Structure formats: structure tokens, C-alpha cells
């Protein structure tokens, strides 16, 4: 582990668009979805393809805002509007995404509720 990472808190990523890299704050990422050898990072207005596994991305993201919602889905919990355990759905803005039952307990543990 290099000393740069240990002294630095990650609050953004640089995502590749063609030959350029765009700085994306982690707070702008809604979810990251696995698809074969790629992961797709969905932001407010763009979708970025990254040739990385979801588990590798989850390990590298130091933010506690990201939670696994299914085997192939990592969601930014700060972007979640509604959760239905009965329907197995997690809603982020205009996206409704399926949750895996195995991940319900972890999601519930992150929910401050009355």
C-alpha cells in the first residue's frame, strides 16, 4: 500500500471517456452494475463502462455510502429514496433496481428508522 492512499480520503473517481478522464464526485454516482467483465457506473446524467469486477470496485471504494444490493449491484445509499423489502426493490431517483434477499439484512442495518 503506498503512502498516498493511506493519507488520502477518496471522494471522487476519474472515469474514462474516450481518451479523456472526467472527475466524478462519489456523491454523483447512483449505482454500479456488473455486466460480464464490465461494470457500469451510473451518474446523474451519464453511464460509464469500466473493465473491472464489482467486487474489486467495492473493495477500492473507501466510501461507506456504497452498499451491495444484489450480487451484481452496488448502490450509493445516500441516493436511495425508497426501499420495498416485500417487492425486493430499491429506488434511486427514477431507477427501480432489484435487491437480492441475501442483502436485505445489511441494507436494513444501514437504515436509520423509527
PDB file of N, CA and C in Angstrom:
ATOM      1  N   UNK A   1       0.847  -1.183   0.000  1.00  0.00           N
ATOM      2  CA  UNK A   1       0.000   0.000   0.000  1.00  0.00           C
ATOM      3  C   UNK A   1       0.887   1.239   0.000  1.00  0.00           C
ATOM      4  N   UNK A   2       0.655   2.147  -0.938  1.00  0.00           N
ATOM      5  CA  UNK A   2       1.518   3.320  -0.949  1.00  0.00           C
ATOM      6  C   UNK A   2       1.024   4.369   0.038  1.00  0.00           C
ATOM      7  N   UNK A   3       1.921   5.252   0.434  1.00  0.00           N
ATOM      8  CA  UNK A   3       1.603   6.217   1.484  1.00  0.00           C
ATOM      9  C   UNK A   3       0.561   7.230   1.029  1.00  0.00           C
ATOM     10  N   UNK A   4       0.446   7.457  -0.258  1.00  0.00           N
ATOM     11  CA  UNK A   4      -0.551   8.403  -0.758  1.00  0.00           C
ATOM     12  C   UNK A   4      -1.958   7.965  -0.372  1.00  0.00           C
ATOM     13  N   UNK A   5      -2.284   6.688  -0.583  1.00  0.00           N
ATOM     14  CA  UNK A   5      -3.623   6.186  -0.277  1.00  0.00           C
ATOM     15  C   UNK A   5      -3.944   6.249   1.214  1.00  0.00           C
ATOM     16  N   UNK A   6      -2.973   6.009   2.065  1.00  0.00           N
ATOM     17  CA  UNK A   6      -3.250   5.976   3.496  1.00  0.00           C
ATOM     18  C   UNK A   6      -3.521   7.370   4.061  1.00  0.00           C
ATOM     19  N   UNK A   7      -3.084   8.408   3.375  1.00  0.00           N
ATOM     20  CA  UNK A   7      -3.283   9.767   3.870  1.00  0.00           C
ATOM     21  C   UNK A   7      -4.414  10.482   3.134  1.00  0.00           C
ATOM     22  N   UNK A   8      -5.038   9.836   2.207  1.00  0.00           N
ATOM     23  CA  UNK A   8      -5.993  10.473   1.308  1.00  0.00           C
ATOM     24  C   UNK A   8      -7.350   9.804   1.419  1.00  0.00           C
ATOM     25  N   UNK A   9      -8.387  10.594   1.619  1.00  0.00           N
ATOM     26  CA  UNK A   9      -9.740  10.056   1.639  1.00  0.00           C
ATOM     27  C   UNK A   9     -10.347  10.251   0.258  1.00  0.00           C
ATOM     28  N   UNK A  10     -10.762   9.166  -0.360  1.00  0.00           N
ATOM     29  CA  UNK A  10     -11.296   9.233  -1.712  1.00  0.00           C
ATOM     30  C   UNK A  10     -12.717   9.796  -1.689  1.00  0.00           C
ATOM     31  N   UNK A  11     -12.928  10.894  -2.427  1.00  0.00           N
ATOM     32  CA  UNK A  11     -14.274  11.457  -2.540  1.00  0.00           C
ATOM     33  C   UNK A  11     -14.691  11.618  -3.995  1.00  0.00           C
ATOM     34  N   UNK A  12     -13.846  11.125  -4.902  1.00  0.00           N
ATOM     35  CA  UNK A  12     -14.157  11.201  -6.327  1.00  0.00           C
ATOM     36  C   UNK A  12     -13.380  10.108  -7.075  1.00  0.00           C
ATOM     37  N   UNK A  13     -13.789   9.910  -8.319  1.00  0.00           N
ATOM     38  CA  UNK A  13     -13.088   9.000  -9.237  1.00  0.00           C
ATOM     39  C   UNK A  13     -12.834   9.748 -10.532  1.00  0.00           C
ATOM     40  N   UNK A  14     -11.815   9.357 -11.261  1.00  0.00           N
ATOM     41  CA  UNK A  14     -11.634   9.839 -12.620  1.00  0.00           C
ATOM     42  C   UNK A  14     -12.070   8.701 -13.531  1.00  0.00           C
ATOM     43  N   UNK A  15     -13.113   8.926 -14.302  1.00  0.00           N
ATOM     44  CA  UNK A  15     -13.649   7.904 -15.195  1.00  0.00           C
ATOM     45  C   UNK A  15     -13.338   8.268 -16.634  1.00  0.00           C
ATOM     46  N   UNK A  16     -12.958   7.259 -17.383  1.00  0.00           N
ATOM     47  CA  UNK A  16     -12.504   7.461 -18.754  1.00  0.00           C
ATOM     48  C   UNK A  16     -13.672   7.648 -19.706  1.00  0.00           C
ATOM     49  N   UNK A  17     -13.533   8.659 -20.551  1.00  0.00           N
ATOM     50  CA  UNK A  17     -14.468   8.899 -21.653  1.00  0.00           C
ATOM     51  C   UNK A  17     -13.626   9.055 -22.910  1.00  0.00           C
ATOM     52  N   UNK A  18     -13.522   7.987 -23.677  1.00  0.00           N
ATOM     53  CA  UNK A  18     -12.653   8.025 -24.859  1.00  0.00           C
ATOM     54  C   UNK A  18     -11.205   8.143 -24.422  1.00  0.00           C
ATOM     55  N   UNK A  19     -10.551   9.251 -24.790  1.00  0.00           N
ATOM     56  CA  UNK A  19      -9.156   9.461 -24.405  1.00  0.00           C
ATOM     57  C   UNK A  19      -9.021  10.404 -23.215  1.00  0.00           C
ATOM     58  N   UNK A  20     -10.145  10.912 -22.715  1.00  0.00           N
ATOM     59  CA  UNK A  20     -10.131  11.846 -21.592  1.00  0.00           C
ATOM     60  C   UNK A  20     -10.603  11.165 -20.318  1.00  0.00           C
ATOM     61  N   UNK A  21     -10.280  11.782 -19.201  1.00  0.00           N
ATOM     62  CA  UNK A  21     -10.757  11.328 -17.899  1.00  0.00           C
ATOM     63  C   UNK A  21     -11.572  12.451 -17.268  1.00  0.00           C
ATOM     64  N   UNK A  22     -12.767  12.107 -16.787  1.00  0.00           N
ATOM     65  CA  UNK A  22     -13.665  13.072 -16.169  1.00  0.00           C
ATOM     66  C   UNK A  22     -13.736  12.808 -14.670  1.00  0.00           C
ATOM     67  N   UNK A  23     -13.594  13.877 -13.896  1.00  0.00           N
ATOM     68  CA  UNK A  23     -13.667  13.761 -12.435  1.00  0.00           C
ATOM     69  C   UNK A  23     -15.133  13.672 -12.027  1.00  0.00           C
ATOM     70  N   UNK A  24     -15.480  12.595 -11.324  1.00  0.00           N
ATOM     71  CA  UNK A  24     -16.846  12.363 -10.873  1.00  0.00           C
ATOM     72  C   UNK A  24     -16.852  12.249  -9.349  1.00  0.00           C
ATOM     73  N   UNK A  25     -17.526  13.165  -8.653  1.00  0.00           N
ATOM     74  CA  UNK A  25     -17.641  13.019  -7.198  1.00  0.00           C
ATOM     75  C   UNK A  25     -18.422  11.740  -6.862  1.00  0.00           C
ATOM     76  N   UNK A  26     -18.014  11.039  -5.814  1.00  0.00           N
ATOM     77  CA  UNK A  26     -18.711   9.809  -5.423  1.00  0.00           C
ATOM     78  C   UNK A  26     -20.184  10.088  -5.132  1.00  0.00           C
ATOM     79  N   UNK A  27     -20.490  11.286  -4.644  1.00  0.00           N
ATOM     80  CA  UNK A  27     -21.878  11.631  -4.339  1.00  0.00           C
ATOM     81  C   UNK A  27     -22.754  11.684  -5.588  1.00  0.00           C
ATOM     82  N   UNK A  28     -22.147  11.810  -6.783  1.00  0.00           N
ATOM     83  CA  UNK A  28     -22.905  11.842  -8.040  1.00  0.00           C
ATOM     84  C   UNK A  28     -23.196  10.450  -8.590  1.00  0.00           C
ATOM     85  N   UNK A  29     -22.556   9.436  -8.035  1.00  0.00           N
ATOM     86  CA  UNK A  29     -22.772   8.065  -8.521  1.00  0.00           C
ATOM     87  C   UNK A  29     -24.027   7.508  -7.859  1.00  0.00           C
ATOM     88  N   UNK A  30     -24.966   7.026  -8.688  1.00  0.00           N
ATOM     89  CA  UNK A  30     -26.200   6.435  -8.175  1.00  0.00           C
ATOM     90  C   UNK A  30     -25.984   4.960  -7.852  1.00  0.00           C
ATOM     91  N   UNK A  31     -25.459   4.238  -8.835  1.00  0.00           N
ATOM     92  CA  UNK A  31     -25.217   2.812  -8.621  1.00  0.00           C
ATOM     93  C   UNK A  31     -24.173   2.307  -9.593  1.00  0.00           C
ATOM     94  N   UNK A  32     -23.652   1.121  -9.288  1.00  0.00           N
ATOM     95  CA  UNK A  32     -22.675   0.458 -10.142  1.00  0.00           C
ATOM     96  C   UNK A  32     -23.204  -0.947 -10.372  1.00  0.00           C
ATOM     97  N   UNK A  33     -23.347  -1.309 -11.649  1.00  0.00           N
ATOM     98  CA  UNK A  33     -23.964  -2.580 -12.006  1.00  0.00           C
ATOM     99  C   UNK A  33     -22.984  -3.435 -12.803  1.00  0.00           C
ATOM    100  N   UNK A  34     -22.864  -4.683 -12.423  1.00  0.00           N
ATOM    101  CA  UNK A  34     -21.969  -5.607 -13.120  1.00  0.00           C
ATOM    102  C   UNK A  34     -22.648  -6.159 -14.361  1.00  0.00           C
ATOM    103  N   UNK A  35     -21.850  -6.362 -15.395  1.00  0.00           N
ATOM    104  CA  UNK A  35     -22.332  -6.995 -16.628  1.00  0.00           C
ATOM    105  C   UNK A  35     -21.145  -7.672 -17.294  1.00  0.00           C
ATOM    106  N   UNK A  36     -21.003  -8.960 -17.046  1.00  0.00           N
ATOM    107  CA  UNK A  36     -19.872  -9.700 -17.600  1.00  0.00           C
ATOM    108  C   UNK A  36     -18.562  -9.190 -17.031  1.00  0.00           C
ATOM    109  N   UNK A  37     -17.612  -8.860 -17.912  1.00  0.00           N
ATOM    110  CA  UNK A  37     -16.304  -8.374 -17.483  1.00  0.00           C
ATOM    111  C   UNK A  37     -16.300  -6.877 -17.181  1.00  0.00           C
ATOM    112  N   UNK A  38     -17.432  -6.236 -17.356  1.00  0.00           N
ATOM    113  CA  UNK A  38     -17.516  -4.791 -17.151  1.00  0.00           C
ATOM    114  C   UNK A  38     -18.426  -4.450 -15.990  1.00  0.00           C
ATOM    115  N   UNK A  39     -18.223  -3.246 -15.475  1.00  0.00           N
ATOM    116  CA  UNK A  39     -19.142  -2.663 -14.502  1.00  0.00           C
ATOM    117  C   UNK A  39     -19.584  -1.339 -15.107  1.00  0.00           C
ATOM    118  N   UNK A  40     -20.844  -1.019 -14.951  1.00  0.00           N
ATOM    119  CA  UNK A  40     -21.384   0.232 -15.473  1.00  0.00           C
ATOM    120  C   UNK A  40     -21.687   1.150 -14.305  1.00  0.00           C
ATOM    121  N   UNK A  41     -21.091   2.327 -14.330  1.00  0.00           N
ATOM    122  CA  UNK A  41     -21.263   3.312 -13.271  1.00  0.00           C
ATOM    123  C   UNK A  41     -22.277   4.340 -13.753  1.00  0.00           C
ATOM    124  N   UNK A  42     -23.414   4.401 -13.057  1.00  0.00           N
ATOM    125  CA  UNK A  42     -24.498   5.314 -13.433  1.00  0.00           C
ATOM    126  C   UNK A  42     -24.427   6.567 -12.569  1.00  0.00           C
ATOM    127  N   UNK A  43     -24.302   7.728 -13.223  1.00  0.00           N
ATOM    128  CA  UNK A  43     -24.323   9.004 -12.514  1.00  0.00           C
ATOM    129  C   UNK A  43     -25.644   9.705 -12.847  1.00  0.00           C
ATOM    130  N   UNK A  44     -25.751  10.966 -12.461  1.00  0.00           N
ATOM    131  CA  UNK A  44     -26.964  11.728 -12.740  1.00  0.00           C
ATOM    132  C   UNK A  44     -27.341  11.703 -14.214  1.00  0.00           C
ATOM    133  N   UNK A  45     -26.352  11.881 -15.080  1.00  0.00           N
ATOM    134  CA  UNK A  45     -26.669  12.035 -16.499  1.00  0.00           C
ATOM    135  C   UNK A  45     -25.845  11.163 -17.446  1.00  0.00           C
ATOM    136  N   UNK A  46     -24.946  10.331 -16.899  1.00  0.00           N
ATOM    137  CA  UNK A  46     -24.109   9.512 -17.773  1.00  0.00           C
ATOM    138  C   UNK A  46     -23.942   8.112 -17.212  1.00  0.00           C
ATOM    139  N   UNK A  47     -23.550   7.228 -18.110  1.00  0.00           N
ATOM    140  CA  UNK A  47     -23.224   5.851 -17.738  1.00  0.00           C
ATOM    141  C   UNK A  47     -21.827   5.567 -18.259  1.00  0.00           C
ATOM    142  N   UNK A  48     -20.946   5.145 -17.359  1.00  0.00           N
ATOM    143  CA  UNK A  48     -19.559   4.876 -17.716  1.00  0.00           C
ATOM    144  C   UNK A  48     -19.298   3.378 -17.645  1.00  0.00           C
ATOM    145  N   UNK A  49     -18.587   2.842 -18.634  1.00  0.00           N
ATOM    146  CA  UNK A  49     -18.196   1.430 -18.627  1.00  0.00           C
ATOM    147  C   UNK A  49     -16.769   1.329 -18.104  1.00  0.00           C
ATOM    148  N   UNK A  50     -16.560   0.409 -17.155  1.00  0.00           N
ATOM    149  CA  UNK A  50     -15.252   0.208 -16.555  1.00  0.00           C
ATOM    150  C   UNK A  50     -14.946  -1.279 -16.621  1.00  0.00           C
ATOM    151  N   UNK A  51     -13.755  -1.626 -17.095  1.00  0.00           N
ATOM    152  CA  UNK A  51     -13.394  -3.046 -17.190  1.00  0.00           C
ATOM    153  C   UNK A  51     -12.813  -3.511 -15.857  1.00  0.00           C
ATOM    154  N   UNK A  52     -13.701  -3.701 -14.895  1.00  0.00           N
ATOM    155  CA  UNK A  52     -13.347  -4.122 -13.549  1.00  0.00           C
ATOM    156  C   UNK A  52     -14.490  -4.937 -12.984  1.00  0.00           C
ATOM    157  N   UNK A  53     -14.185  -5.827 -12.055  1.00  0.00           N
ATOM    158  CA  UNK A  53     -15.254  -6.587 -11.411  1.00  0.00           C
ATOM    159  C   UNK A  53     -15.890  -5.730 -10.329  1.00  0.00           C
ATOM    160  N   UNK A  54     -17.138  -6.025 -10.021  1.00  0.00           N
ATOM    161  CA  UNK A  54     -17.860  -5.284  -8.998  1.00  0.00           C
ATOM    162  C   UNK A  54     -17.201  -5.452  -7.635  1.00  0.00           C
ATOM    163  N   UNK A  55     -16.707  -6.643  -7.342  1.00  0.00           N
ATOM    164  CA  UNK A  55     -16.064  -6.860  -6.039  1.00  0.00           C
ATOM    165  C   UNK A  55     -14.778  -6.044  -5.923  1.00  0.00           C
ATOM    166  N   UNK A  56     -14.022  -5.910  -7.003  1.00  0.00           N
ATOM    167  CA  UNK A  56     -12.808  -5.093  -6.986  1.00  0.00           C
ATOM    168  C   UNK A  56     -13.155  -3.634  -6.752  1.00  0.00           C
ATOM    169  N   UNK A  57     -14.192  -3.152  -7.428  1.00  0.00           N
ATOM    170  CA  UNK A  57     -14.626  -1.767  -7.256  1.00  0.00           C
ATOM    171  C   UNK A  57     -15.089  -1.543  -5.819  1.00  0.00           C
ATOM    172  N   UNK A  58     -15.866  -2.471  -5.287  1.00  0.00           N
ATOM    173  CA  UNK A  58     -16.375  -2.351  -3.911  1.00  0.00           C
ATOM    174  C   UNK A  58     -15.221  -2.267  -2.915  1.00  0.00           C
ATOM    175  N   UNK A  59     -14.163  -3.049  -3.133  1.00  0.00           N
ATOM    176  CA  UNK A  59     -13.001  -3.013  -2.249  1.00  0.00           C
ATOM    177  C   UNK A  59     -12.262  -1.686  -2.350  1.00  0.00           C
ATOM    178  N   UNK A  60     -12.143  -1.167  -3.566  1.00  0.00           N
ATOM    179  CA  UNK A  60     -11.373   0.056  -3.783  1.00  0.00           C
ATOM    180  C   UNK A  60     -12.123   1.311  -3.347  1.00  0.00           C
ATOM    181  N   UNK A  61     -13.442   1.259  -3.382  1.00  0.00           N
ATOM    182  CA  UNK A  61     -14.219   2.403  -2.915  1.00  0.00           C
ATOM    183  C   UNK A  61     -14.154   2.432  -1.395  1.00  0.00           C
ATOM    184  N   UNK A  62     -13.572   3.455  -0.866  1.00  0.00           N
ATOM    185  CA  UNK A  62     -13.417   3.531   0.584  1.00  0.00           C
ATOM    186  C   UNK A  62     -14.660   4.137   1.234  1.00  0.00           C
ATOM    187  N   UNK A  63     -15.614   4.572   0.430  1.00  0.00           N
ATOM    188  CA  UNK A  63     -16.809   5.234   0.945  1.00  0.00           C
ATOM    189  C   UNK A  63     -17.760   4.221   1.577  1.00  0.00           C
ATOM    190  N   UNK A  64     -18.264   4.540   2.744  1.00  0.00           N
ATOM    191  CA  UNK A  64     -19.236   3.680   3.409  1.00  0.00           C
ATOM    192  C   UNK A  64     -20.636   3.905   2.850  1.00  0.00           C
ATOM    193  N   UNK A  65     -20.782   4.853   1.916  1.00  0.00           N
ATOM    194  CA  UNK A  65     -22.086   5.125   1.309  1.00  0.00           C
ATOM    195  C   UNK A  65     -22.517   4.023   0.348  1.00  0.00           C
ATOM    196  N   UNK A  66     -21.586   3.228  -0.144  1.00  0.00           N
ATOM    197  CA  UNK A  66     -21.920   2.198  -1.121  1.00  0.00           C
ATOM    198  C   UNK A  66     -22.214   0.877  -0.434  1.00  0.00           C
ATOM    199  N   UNK A  67     -23.347   0.287  -0.801  1.00  0.00           N
ATOM    200  CA  UNK A  67     -23.782  -0.970  -0.204  1.00  0.00           C
ATOM    201  C   UNK A  67     -24.175  -1.940  -1.320  1.00  0.00           C
ATOM    202  N   UNK A  68     -23.879  -3.206  -1.106  1.00  0.00           N
ATOM    203  CA  UNK A  68     -24.248  -4.234  -2.075  1.00  0.00           C
ATOM    204  C   UNK A  68     -25.747  -4.486  -1.948  1.00  0.00           C
ATOM    205  N   UNK A  69     -26.485  -4.368  -3.047  1.00  0.00           N
ATOM    206  CA  UNK A  69     -27.931  -4.599  -3.036  1.00  0.00           C
ATOM    207  C   UNK A  69     -28.287  -5.937  -3.681  1.00  0.00           C
ATOM    208  N   UNK A  70     -27.381  -6.463  -4.482  1.00  0.00           N
ATOM    209  CA  UNK A  70     -27.531  -7.794  -5.072  1.00  0.00           C
ATOM    210  C   UNK A  70     -26.145  -8.234  -5.525  1.00  0.00           C
ATOM    211  N   UNK A  71     -26.064  -9.430  -6.055  1.00  0.00           N
ATOM    212  CA  UNK A  71     -24.757  -9.952  -6.481  1.00  0.00           C
ATOM    213  C   UNK A  71     -24.101  -9.047  -7.517  1.00  0.00           C
ATOM    214  N   UNK A  72     -24.906  -8.418  -8.356  1.00  0.00           N
ATOM    215  CA  UNK A  72     -24.367  -7.591  -9.425  1.00  0.00           C
ATOM    216  C   UNK A  72     -24.663  -6.116  -9.287  1.00  0.00           C
ATOM    217  N   UNK A  73     -24.955  -5.658  -8.071  1.00  0.00           N
ATOM    218  CA  UNK A  73     -25.358  -4.270  -7.908  1.00  0.00           C
ATOM    219  C   UNK A  73     -24.814  -3.657  -6.627  1.00  0.00           C
ATOM    220  N   UNK A  74     -24.195  -2.512  -6.777  1.00  0.00           N
ATOM    221  CA  UNK A  74     -23.678  -1.724  -5.668  1.00  0.00           C
ATOM    222  C   UNK A  74     -24.382  -0.373  -5.740  1.00  0.00           C
ATOM    223  N   UNK A  75     -25.057   0.034  -4.680  1.00  0.00           N
ATOM    224  CA  UNK A  75     -25.802   1.302  -4.731  1.00  0.00           C
ATOM    225  C   UNK A  75     -25.199   2.318  -3.763  1.00  0.00           C
ATOM    226  N   UNK A  76     -25.317   3.575  -4.145  1.00  0.00           N
ATOM    227  CA  UNK A  76     -24.909   4.669  -3.280  1.00  0.00           C
ATOM    228  C   UNK A  76     -26.083   4.913  -2.340  1.00  0.00           C
ATOM    229  N   UNK A  77     -25.931   4.527  -1.092  1.00  0.00           N
ATOM    230  CA  UNK A  77     -27.048   4.562  -0.156  1.00  0.00           C
ATOM    231  C   UNK A  77     -27.562   5.976   0.075  1.00  0.00           C
ATOM    232  N   UNK A  78     -26.712   6.972  -0.104  1.00  0.00           N
ATOM    233  CA  UNK A  78     -27.146   8.359   0.075  1.00  0.00           C
ATOM    234  C   UNK A  78     -28.094   8.799  -1.048  1.00  0.00           C
ATOM    235  N   UNK A  79     -28.187   8.022  -2.125  1.00  0.00           N
ATOM    236  CA  UNK A  79     -29.069   8.341  -3.252  1.00  0.00           C
ATOM    237  C   UNK A  79     -30.407   7.607  -3.185  1.00  0.00           C
ATOM    238  N   UNK A  80     -30.577   6.714  -2.224  1.00  0.00           N
ATOM    239  CA  UNK A  80     -31.779   5.886  -2.135  1.00  0.00           C
ATOM    240  C   UNK A  80     -32.971   6.708  -1.647  1.00  0.00           C
ATOM    241  N   UNK A  81     -34.095   6.605  -2.370  1.00  0.00           N
ATOM    242  CA  UNK A  81     -35.327   7.304  -1.996  1.00  0.00           C
ATOM    243  C   UNK A  81     -36.317   6.390  -1.294  1.00  0.00           C
ATOM    244  N   UNK A  82     -36.368   5.123  -1.727  1.00  0.00           N
ATOM    245  CA  UNK A  82     -37.387   4.206  -1.218  1.00  0.00           C
ATOM    246  C   UNK A  82     -36.866   2.784  -1.302  1.00  0.00           C
ATOM    247  N   UNK A  83     -37.255   1.988  -0.309  1.00  0.00           N
ATOM    248  CA  UNK A  83     -36.888   0.574  -0.290  1.00  0.00           C
ATOM    249  C   UNK A  83     -38.144  -0.236   0.009  1.00  0.00           C
ATOM    250  N   UNK A  84     -38.394  -1.262  -0.790  1.00  0.00           N
ATOM    251  CA  UNK A  84     -39.501  -2.173  -0.530  1.00  0.00           C
ATOM    252  C   UNK A  84     -38.937  -3.585  -0.420  1.00  0.00           C
ATOM    253  N   UNK A  85     -38.864  -4.081   0.821  1.00  0.00           N
ATOM    254  CA  UNK A  85     -38.368  -5.442   1.012  1.00  0.00           C
ATOM    255  C   UNK A  85     -39.386  -6.457   0.507  1.00  0.00           C
ATOM    256  N   UNK A  86     -40.672  -6.113   0.591  1.00  0.00           N
ATOM    257  CA  UNK A  86     -41.733  -7.009   0.106  1.00  0.00           C
ATOM    258  C   UNK A  86     -41.610  -7.228  -1.400  1.00  0.00           C
ATOM    259  N   UNK A  87     -41.311  -6.148  -2.136  1.00  0.00           N
ATOM    260  CA  UNK A  87     -41.178  -6.245  -3.600  1.00  0.00           C
ATOM    261  C   UNK A  87     -39.736  -6.523  -4.029  1.00  0.00           C
ATOM    262  N   UNK A  88     -38.797  -6.409  -3.078  1.00  0.00           N
ATOM    263  CA  UNK A  88     -37.390  -6.621  -3.415  1.00  0.00           C
ATOM    264  C   UNK A  88     -36.844  -5.531  -4.314  1.00  0.00           C
ATOM    265  N   UNK A  89     -37.284  -4.284  -4.056  1.00  0.00           N
ATOM    266  CA  UNK A  89     -36.909  -3.168  -4.927  1.00  0.00           C
ATOM    267  C   UNK A  89     -36.268  -2.056  -4.106  1.00  0.00           C
ATOM    268  N   UNK A  90     -35.234  -1.474  -4.682  1.00  0.00           N
ATOM    269  CA  UNK A  90     -34.600  -0.295  -4.106  1.00  0.00           C
ATOM    270  C   UNK A  90     -34.704   0.799  -5.168  1.00  0.00           C
ATOM    271  N   UNK A  91     -35.152   1.975  -4.768  1.00  0.00           N
ATOM    272  CA  UNK A  91     -35.421   3.053  -5.719  1.00  0.00           C
ATOM    273  C   UNK A  91     -34.436   4.201  -5.510  1.00  0.00           C
ATOM    274  N   UNK A  92     -33.799   4.607  -6.586  1.00  0.00           N
ATOM    275  CA  UNK A  92     -32.876   5.731  -6.594  1.00  0.00           C
ATOM    276  C   UNK A  92     -33.340   6.681  -7.691  1.00  0.00           C
ATOM    277  N   UNK A  93     -33.823   7.841  -7.303  1.00  0.00           N
ATOM    278  CA  UNK A  93     -34.369   8.802  -8.262  1.00  0.00           C
ATOM    279  C   UNK A  93     -35.364   8.100  -9.180  1.00  0.00           C
ATOM    280  N   UNK A  94     -35.109   8.045 -10.473  1.00  0.00           N
ATOM    281  CA  UNK A  94     -36.067   7.413 -11.386  1.00  0.00           C
ATOM    282  C   UNK A  94     -35.704   5.965 -11.722  1.00  0.00           C
ATOM    283  N   UNK A  95     -34.776   5.379 -10.988  1.00  0.00           N
ATOM    284  CA  UNK A  95     -34.365   4.000 -11.229  1.00  0.00           C
ATOM    285  C   UNK A  95     -34.937   3.078 -10.155  1.00  0.00           C
ATOM    286  N   UNK A  96     -35.590   1.992 -10.595  1.00  0.00           N
ATOM    287  CA  UNK A  96     -36.015   0.941  -9.668  1.00  0.00           C
ATOM    288  C   UNK A  96     -35.144  -0.271  -9.941  1.00  0.00           C
ATOM    289  N   UNK A  97     -34.435  -0.711  -8.907  1.00  0.00           N
ATOM    290  CA  UNK A  97     -33.481  -1.796  -9.055  1.00  0.00           C
ATOM    291  C   UNK A  97     -33.848  -2.947  -8.132  1.00  0.00           C
ATOM    292  N   UNK A  98     -33.621  -4.167  -8.597  1.00  0.00           N
ATOM    293  CA  UNK A  98     -33.939  -5.366  -7.817  1.00  0.00           C
ATOM    294  C   UNK A  98     -32.866  -5.617  -6.761  1.00  0.00           C
ATOM    295  N   UNK A  99     -33.323  -5.936  -5.556  1.00  0.00           N
ATOM    296  CA  UNK A  99     -32.419  -6.303  -4.462  1.00  0.00           C
ATOM    297  C   UNK A  99     -32.406  -7.815  -4.318  1.00  0.00           C
ATOM    298  N   UNK A 100     -31.282  -8.335  -3.879  1.00  0.00           N
ATOM    299  CA  UNK A 100     -31.196  -9.754  -3.561  1.00  0.00           C
ATOM    300  C   UNK A 100     -31.564  -9.968  -2.101  1.00  0.00           C
ATOM    301  N   UNK A 101     -32.315 -11.038  -1.808  1.00  0.00           N
ATOM    302  CA  UNK A 101     -32.744 -11.310  -0.427  1.00  0.00           C
ATOM    303  C   UNK A 101     -31.571 -11.471   0.520  1.00  0.00           C
ATOM    304  N   UNK A 102     -30.473 -11.991   0.033  1.00  0.00           N
ATOM    305  CA  UNK A 102     -29.296 -12.190   0.874  1.00  0.00           C
ATOM    306  C   UNK A 102     -28.718 -10.875   1.383  1.00  0.00           C
ATOM    307  N   UNK A 103     -29.086  -9.762   0.763  1.00  0.00           N
ATOM    308  CA  UNK A 103     -28.523  -8.458   1.122  1.00  0.00           C
ATOM    309  C   UNK A 103     -29.479  -7.612   1.959  1.00  0.00           C
ATOM    310  N   UNK A 104     -30.696  -8.112   2.216  1.00  0.00           N
ATOM    311  CA  UNK A 104     -31.695  -7.352   2.975  1.00  0.00           C
ATOM    312  C   UNK A 104     -31.187  -6.950   4.364  1.00  0.00           C
ATOM    313  N   UNK A 105     -30.570  -7.872   5.098  1.00  0.00           N
ATOM    314  CA  UNK A 105     -30.126  -7.597   6.470  1.00  0.00           C
ATOM    315  C   UNK A 105     -29.096  -6.465   6.496  1.00  0.00           C
ATOM    316  N   UNK A 106     -28.157  -6.485   5.568  1.00  0.00           N
ATOM    317  CA  UNK A 106     -27.136  -5.440   5.527  1.00  0.00           C
ATOM    318  C   UNK A 106     -27.771  -4.087   5.197  1.00  0.00           C
ATOM    319  N   UNK A 107     -28.714  -4.085   4.272  1.00  0.00           N
ATOM    320  CA  UNK A 107     -29.398  -2.847   3.894  1.00  0.00           C
ATOM    321  C   UNK A 107     -30.211  -2.323   5.081  1.00  0.00           C
ATOM    322  N   UNK A 108     -30.931  -3.210   5.752  1.00  0.00           N
ATOM    323  CA  UNK A 108     -31.724  -2.799   6.934  1.00  0.00           C
ATOM    324  C   UNK A 108     -30.826  -2.211   8.015  1.00  0.00           C
ATOM    325  N   UNK A 109     -29.635  -2.769   8.189  1.00  0.00           N
ATOM    326  CA  UNK A 109     -28.728  -2.290   9.230  1.00  0.00           C
ATOM    327  C   UNK A 109     -28.221  -0.877   8.959  1.00  0.00           C
ATOM    328  N   UNK A 110     -28.315  -0.418   7.728  1.00  0.00           N
ATOM    329  CA  UNK A 110     -27.864   0.925   7.369  1.00  0.00           C
ATOM    330  C   UNK A 110     -28.983   1.954   7.383  1.00  0.00           C
ATOM    331  N   UNK A 111     -30.194   1.490   7.675  1.00  0.00           N
ATOM    332  CA  UNK A 111     -31.362   2.374   7.607  1.00  0.00           C
ATOM    333  C   UNK A 111     -31.704   2.954   8.966  1.00  0.00           C
ATOM    334  N   UNK A 112     -31.468   4.235   9.171  1.00  0.00           N
ATOM    335  CA  UNK A 112     -31.971   4.834  10.407  1.00  0.00           C
ATOM    336  C   UNK A 112     -33.496   4.943  10.265  1.00  0.00           C
ATOM    337  N   UNK A 113     -34.236   4.413  11.202  1.00  0.00           N
ATOM    338  CA  UNK A 113     -35.691   4.412  11.076  1.00  0.00           C
ATOM    339  C   UNK A 113     -36.358   4.388  12.440  1.00  0.00           C
ATOM    340  N   UNK A 114     -37.610   4.762  12.444  1.00  0.00           N
ATOM    341  CA  UNK A 114     -38.414   4.745  13.671  1.00  0.00           C
ATOM    342  C   UNK A 114     -39.448   3.650  13.563  1.00  0.00           C
TER     343      UNK A 114
END
